[in-house]
Structure formats: C-alpha cells, structure tokens
Amino acid sequence: MSLEQQPIENHGVVGDMRTVALVTTDGAIDYLCWPRFDSPTVFAALLDADKGGSFRIEPTLPGAKRKQLYLPDTNILLTRFLSSQGVAEISDFMAVSLDGQMPQALVRRVKCVRGEVSFLLVCDPRFDYGRATHEVEHRDGEVLFVSSSEDRMMLRLRVDAPVEVRDGVVQVKFTLAAGETAAFVLSSADRSDDWRCTAPDFVAESFKATHDYWHEWVGRCQYRGRWQEVVRRSALVLKLLTSKDHGSIVAAATFGLPEELGGVRNWDYRFTWIRDASFTVYALMRLGYKQEAADFMRWIEARCGEMEAGSSLQIMYGIDGRHELPEEVLTHLSGYRGSSPVRVGNAAFDQMQLDIYGELMDSVYLHDKYGEQLHHDLWIKLADLVDWVCEHWQEKDEGIWEVRGGKQHFLYSRLMCWVAVDRGIRLASKRSLPAPLEQWLHVRSEIYHDIFTNFWDEERQAFVQHLGSNSMDAAVLMMPLVKFISPSDPRWLSTLRAVEEELVDDSLVFRYRMGKGASDGLHGEEGTFCICSFWYVESLARSGDLAQARFIFEKTLGYANHLGLFAEELGPSGEHLGNFPQAFTHLALISAAHYLDRALSASGQKG
C-alpha cells in the first residue's frame, strides 16, 4: 500500500540538530535522512509515494478531523485525530538534552485520549534514497532493519506490540483504551550508546529532557516585541537547521522539492551556503543567540584556514566542510507530484558568486560588535578576502540566484562587494586592525559610483538587475537594508515603486519575472519568493510607510502553514513550493519583525 503524497505545507518538522523528519497531518513520516541532514534518505515518500518509504501510524477513525501543533516553545510535535468515536494523538520528537548526552533517536508516542481506538503502524524504510534493499530481523520487543547498502546501515525499531513482517515492511496492529499509550523508538543499531534507547524508561526520560532543552533555549530569546510567537517559531526552525556537530547551518531540510509543479528547479539544499548561513547568524544574534554565531564563526575560520594565498571561499560547503558536492539525478524517483528530475548534490558549489563576501563580512562585523571580538588569525584571513574582493569586484558572476544561463554583471553582487569592503573598513577602524585602508576606501568609492552610474536606468528611474538589462530583481530591496542608500533617497523610492509594479503580487514578491527581461537559463516559471516578501516589508518600514509595512507583513504571515512554517516559495493558490522548511525565509521574517516592531514602537504605536 503506497502513501498518498501530502502537500508540502501539510507537514511539521522535528529534529535534533543532526537531522530532521517531516511529519504529515495524518501521522506519517514521509521524509527522513539518517543519521545526518545530508545522509541518504530512509523515508522519502514525499518524493516518490511508491519507492521512497515511510513510517506511518494510522488510527482507525474514519472521517476524523486532524489537528497539528507544537507543544509551546518546543520542537515536540503533536498530531491529533478527533472524531465522535474517539480521540487519538501522536507525539513526535527527536531526543535532545541539555547535557548533550542523549543518544540519537526518533520517538513516536501514541495515546488514546477518548474512547477505544485501533491503530495500524507501518514502518517501510527504503535505504540509500530507495536504491538499497534490506533484511528484517525480528527480536523480542524490537525489529532490526539491515540495509544492503555499502555502509550496511542498521536501524532498530523498538515496538510495544506484536509485529508482522511482510516483504521487508513491518506492520503492527494495536488497540488503546482511553488513557493508554504505546511508544515506538527508531534509532541506529550500530552505535555504542544505542542500547540506551531500549531502556524501559527511555521514552519518558527523553521526552522530559527534550522538553526542558527547548524551553531553556527559547527562554534565552531576547525578542519581546509584537509577533513573539512567530518569531520564536522561526528561531526554533533555524536552530533545527543548525548542525550540532559542526556549527554550520543548512539552507533547508530537504532536497528535490520543486519551485514549480512539474518544473526542473528541484535542488538539494542540505548544505551550508556562506550567504544563507551568514544571514541566519545575523538573525539569531538579533534574538540574543550569541553561541550559535560563535560556533558558525569557528566553522568559517576553518574554511578560511583551508584557503591558499590569493584564493577565495566557495559559495557553499558540506556541513562538515567538505568541498565537493557533485550533483546527481535520482532517476528512479518520480518526484514530488511528478516533478522531476530529483537531484542530490548541487553543481552550483563551484559557481562564482561575489555577493557572499558581503553577507559574510556583515555577519562578522555584527558578531564582533555584539558577540565575541575577532581573533587575529581570522582577521588576517578576512583581510585577505577583502583584498580579493578589491581585485575581482568588476567581474561577472552567477549571482545570488545561482543562474545557470551564464554569468552577468549583477547589481546585487556589486552591492555586496561594497558591503564586504565597507565592513572591512569599519572593523579595521573600530578595532585598530592592520589593513590597507587607503586602497579599501578607494575601492569602496569606485563600487559606489559604479552602481549609481551603470546600474541606474534613467528611463525606468530604477536600479536594474544587471548591466544591459532593464528588468527588476527583488534583491535590490537589500540596498537600504545594508545601508548602501538612504531609504528616503528619491532614487530608492522610485526603485521601490518599480519593484512594486513588476514583482509584487498582492503582498507577495517574485524574485524576478521570466519573460520580462530576466532569465536564469532554465525553462518554466516559479512561485513568489518568500524571503523577498519579507525584504519588501522591511524596505517599506525603513522608507517610512509603517502602516503599509505592517499590513503586508500580517498578510504574508497568513501564508505560513498551520504551524507557522514556510517553504522557499508560494504558488498561485498559496501552496508551498521548494525545499522546506527554508532558513532563508525564516531569517528574513525575524529581521522584518525585529525592525518593524522597533519602528512601530518608536512612532508611538502601542499595539
């Protein structure tokens, strides 16, 4: 029996800062990479209902209403089934603890709240992206799944009821009366501490430890403004996407989810982009999470330490810092709702994207200001990077959107080169650090004049996407956010109007419009880009239109799913598209909420 693919937005997410699982509103786990974010999947029905594999628990309550919520200020997910015949619920979480000693485990605790409810559990793993077979060993109280893949991965499912094994699939039928519970624990079976998951009190202890961990972490959030609930949820998402082992941050939890149904923009986002991670650090620092910023800086320092003289950073790395991310198409998977190709790896890792140095230097500057002061060795490497930017800023690149249709002179890349040099100057001046300031000051001025001279379209009265183009790019919305231009500058205000005319649809913003002079080298269309919608909110607020900024912000929040989560894009019917949940979107939400809240309070508004 195959699993019906649920819409992307019909999912919650649980995790332990090593990997994440997606849980549907009907109680199925249809996406899980194990044991790390970038490991092959063991459940991927979200990408192929027949071949991907899933872990589902189904109550026998025909026509039951389904509700899903997080326990307050945690990443513990509760899926509820309500009907006149009974009420049942599933608590899903990945075990974490304040002391960091919890073994890696996915815990599913089932409870009957009212009546008597029968359940069917089906655990159907498909190792190595569905390419490997496996054997099943049934023991007392547990089942072992042993993969035929090269690494011979072994998973243990702890069960509290009689088991039936059929063609490598485990089925468990059980019935609970009101107040009764059953628990199922999925863990590795080849690690030294895995035995702890089989202890009788593990489920209760891990639940309490996980609950305490998330409450303590959220308790350190310094945001006290409007929209606390959505800001905290976004922070919890960003924390889930942060590697506990390495300090790096993945761009999203998934791979292969399409930016257009049936389209070809189906990328793997389970890696660390310098850009995305730097923005994420900025968002977390705004909320008071300095340790996460420090951990990422150590990861950056390690990447800088690998550079040879005169070289630069890659745009992205594996979460462990590996450099090669070869792209591969999984031809045996049909894709989400038939959207193929399904790709793993990302060929953009060797692209040239000049903007990454601006995002990095901006986050370094803020970390130095609000967190830890820069270390000598890191500054020497960063100064080398600024020197590299000074030598290469006039070159073409693939830009922030990673176009595959050829390099261009992109405005956003120029803008962020200016930011890189500007933040280098600020750091050197503030901390009396050694730097060729005269050269940097000269280059900063050159870039400034280049943008105003070569990227300003007199006819459109707007800054355009790239040289030779008259089309708009939502990345221009970052110009006042990085303090390149005054938000009240007439050139900026007319640019904002041009963005609204070409890219804004209701409250939502396209990053660029195919067929209106913009091209990324790929066929098809895409949805509105969620990060751009929140950039638009902040740009409106900085330009002084607080009423409109708040209205647009509230409308955009309305497109979140039932748990406050966002994918990368939104389709014409408000459906979520692209990888999920998306760090880029949630960090921009935090930034917009933070600025808008302060601006509203400064204007005298109390509510």
Foldseek 3Di string as FASTA:
>chain_A
DFDDADFPLQWAWAFDLFAIWTAGLQFKTQWTAPPGLQHATFHHCLQPRPQRWIKGKHKPDPPWDWDKEADPLASWIKIWTDDPQFIKIKIWYWFAFPVRPDATKIKIKIATAAHKIKMKIKGTTQPRRRPWAWDWDDDVQKIWTFTPDPVRWIKIKGWDADWDADRNMIMGMDMDHRPDMIMIMIHTDPDPPPVLCVDPCSVVVRVVRRVVVSVVVLVLFQDDFPPSRLLSVLLNLQSRQARPVQLAGFQFSAFQFFLDVQFERTGGGNWGFLQLRLLLLVLVVLRPPLVSLVSVVVNVLVQLVPDDQLDEGFRIAHSNRHQAFDKDFPVVGCTRNNHDRTIGTDPSRRWDALLSLLSNLVSLLVCCVRNNNDDPSSLVSLLSNLVSLLVDQQDWTLYPVNFPADTFAFLSSLLSNLNNLVSNLVSCVVVVNDHPNVSSVVSNVVSLVCQVPFQQDPVQLAGDTGGPFPWHFLSVLCCVVSPVDQLQPSSNVSRLVRQCVAADDQLFGARTDPPRRDHRNTDDDGATFLLSSLSNLQSCVSNPNLVVSVVSLVVSQVLRRPHSFAAGGAHPVSRGTHGPRGSSNSSSNSVSCSNSRVSCVVVPDDD
